[in-house]
Amino acid sequence: MKVYRNTVIVLFSLSLLVFLYSEIFVNLKKDTTYPEIVCDSGLVKVNVTKGEKEFLKGVTAFDEKDGDLTDRIIVE
């Protein structure tokens, strides 16, 4: 019974260490900087039949870590 208990304790400790390591590693790699999206004009007025490029005219996005993100802007 003592061997079983010690085995369970060791396995629990190892699994806890692996979990903590993975959580710390994931949080350290997480990008917490948010891009700043800037529009040249205060109001965007576009015909609905126009394409996505028309919506994004004069809109830029920049992030200190990733740099220029203008080509990643998605219109929904």
C-alpha atoms as a PDB file:
ATOM      1  CA  MET A   1       0.000   0.000   0.000  1.00  0.00           C
ATOM      2  CA  LYS A   2       2.881   2.352   0.752  1.00  0.00           C
ATOM      3  CA  VAL A   3       4.357   1.798  -2.719  1.00  0.00           C
ATOM      4  CA  TYR A   4       1.005   2.576  -4.331  1.00  0.00           C
ATOM      5  CA  ARG A   5       0.645   5.784  -2.333  1.00  0.00           C
ATOM      6  CA  ASN A   6       4.189   6.926  -3.152  1.00  0.00           C
ATOM      7  CA  THR A   7       3.639   6.169  -6.851  1.00  0.00           C
ATOM      8  CA  VAL A   8       0.452   8.236  -6.872  1.00  0.00           C
ATOM      9  CA  ILE A   9       2.217  11.123  -5.125  1.00  0.00           C
ATOM     10  CA  VAL A  10       5.120  11.035  -7.600  1.00  0.00           C
ATOM     11  CA  LEU A  11       2.794  10.882 -10.618  1.00  0.00           C
ATOM     12  CA  PHE A  12       0.667  13.720  -9.263  1.00  0.00           C
ATOM     13  CA  SER A  13       3.762  15.840  -8.610  1.00  0.00           C
ATOM     14  CA  LEU A  14       5.114  15.206 -12.098  1.00  0.00           C
ATOM     15  CA  SER A  15       1.798  16.024 -13.747  1.00  0.00           C
ATOM     16  CA  LEU A  16       1.533  19.203 -11.679  1.00  0.00           C
ATOM     17  CA  LEU A  17       5.034  20.273 -12.743  1.00  0.00           C
ATOM     18  CA  VAL A  18       4.262  19.607 -16.416  1.00  0.00           C
ATOM     19  CA  PHE A  19       1.018  21.578 -16.145  1.00  0.00           C
ATOM     20  CA  LEU A  20       2.683  24.545 -14.426  1.00  0.00           C
ATOM     21  CA  TYR A  21       5.530  24.562 -16.936  1.00  0.00           C
ATOM     22  CA  SER A  22       3.137  24.539 -19.880  1.00  0.00           C
ATOM     23  CA  GLU A  23       0.990  27.335 -18.402  1.00  0.00           C
ATOM     24  CA  ILE A  24       4.006  29.530 -17.705  1.00  0.00           C
ATOM     25  CA  PHE A  25       5.451  28.852 -21.175  1.00  0.00           C
ATOM     26  CA  VAL A  26       2.159  29.700 -22.909  1.00  0.00           C
ATOM     27  CA  ASN A  27       1.691  32.922 -20.907  1.00  0.00           C
ATOM     28  CA  LEU A  28       5.231  34.092 -21.623  1.00  0.00           C
ATOM     29  CA  LYS A  29       4.737  33.639 -25.378  1.00  0.00           C
ATOM     30  CA  LYS A  30       1.313  35.345 -25.426  1.00  0.00           C
ATOM     31  CA  ASP A  31       1.177  38.598 -27.376  1.00  0.00           C
ATOM     32  CA  THR A  32      -0.435  41.168 -25.087  1.00  0.00           C
ATOM     33  CA  THR A  33       0.099  44.189 -27.305  1.00  0.00           C
ATOM     34  CA  TYR A  34      -2.931  45.395 -29.210  1.00  0.00           C
ATOM     35  CA  PRO A  35      -2.743  47.101 -32.591  1.00  0.00           C
ATOM     36  CA  GLU A  36      -3.708  50.722 -32.993  1.00  0.00           C
ATOM     37  CA  ILE A  37      -6.134  51.176 -35.880  1.00  0.00           C
ATOM     38  CA  VAL A  38      -6.192  54.661 -37.387  1.00  0.00           C
ATOM     39  CA  CYS A  39      -8.577  56.075 -39.972  1.00  0.00           C
ATOM     40  CA  ASP A  40      -7.724  59.217 -41.941  1.00  0.00           C
ATOM     41  CA  SER A  41     -11.270  60.532 -41.761  1.00  0.00           C
ATOM     42  CA  GLY A  42     -13.719  60.394 -38.880  1.00  0.00           C
ATOM     43  CA  LEU A  43     -16.470  58.857 -40.979  1.00  0.00           C
ATOM     44  CA  VAL A  44     -16.187  56.079 -43.544  1.00  0.00           C
ATOM     45  CA  LYS A  45     -18.909  56.354 -46.177  1.00  0.00           C
ATOM     46  CA  VAL A  46     -18.806  53.693 -48.885  1.00  0.00           C
ATOM     47  CA  ASN A  47     -21.290  52.216 -51.324  1.00  0.00           C
ATOM     48  CA  VAL A  48     -22.262  48.666 -50.336  1.00  0.00           C
ATOM     49  CA  THR A  49     -21.474  47.343 -53.798  1.00  0.00           C
ATOM     50  CA  LYS A  50     -17.836  48.441 -53.529  1.00  0.00           C
ATOM     51  CA  GLY A  51     -15.132  45.976 -52.545  1.00  0.00           C
ATOM     52  CA  GLU A  52     -13.204  45.579 -49.324  1.00  0.00           C
ATOM     53  CA  LYS A  53     -10.416  47.872 -50.539  1.00  0.00           C
ATOM     54  CA  GLU A  54     -12.864  50.774 -50.678  1.00  0.00           C
ATOM     55  CA  PHE A  55     -13.768  50.233 -47.009  1.00  0.00           C
ATOM     56  CA  LEU A  56     -10.113  50.176 -45.997  1.00  0.00           C
ATOM     57  CA  LYS A  57      -9.056  53.307 -47.880  1.00  0.00           C
ATOM     58  CA  GLY A  58      -7.139  55.469 -45.398  1.00  0.00           C
ATOM     59  CA  VAL A  59      -7.240  52.852 -42.609  1.00  0.00           C
ATOM     60  CA  THR A  60      -3.951  51.654 -41.103  1.00  0.00           C
ATOM     61  CA  ALA A  61      -3.041  49.365 -38.225  1.00  0.00           C
ATOM     62  CA  PHE A  62       0.246  49.286 -36.295  1.00  0.00           C
ATOM     63  CA  ASP A  63       1.524  47.227 -33.374  1.00  0.00           C
ATOM     64  CA  GLU A  64       4.839  47.788 -31.559  1.00  0.00           C
ATOM     65  CA  LYS A  65       5.660  44.071 -31.565  1.00  0.00           C
ATOM     66  CA  ASP A  66       4.371  43.057 -35.012  1.00  0.00           C
ATOM     67  CA  GLY A  67       4.837  46.326 -36.889  1.00  0.00           C
ATOM     68  CA  ASP A  68       2.518  47.265 -39.753  1.00  0.00           C
ATOM     69  CA  LEU A  69      -0.673  45.175 -39.686  1.00  0.00           C
ATOM     70  CA  THR A  70      -2.659  47.086 -42.294  1.00  0.00           C
ATOM     71  CA  ASP A  71      -2.847  44.101 -44.651  1.00  0.00           C
ATOM     72  CA  ARG A  72      -4.367  41.955 -41.870  1.00  0.00           C
ATOM     73  CA  ILE A  73      -7.440  44.140 -41.237  1.00  0.00           C
ATOM     74  CA  ILE A  74     -10.668  42.207 -41.826  1.00  0.00           C
ATOM     75  CA  VAL A  75     -13.943  43.883 -42.793  1.00  0.00           C
ATOM     76  CA  GLU A  76     -17.034  42.176 -41.406  1.00  0.00           C
END
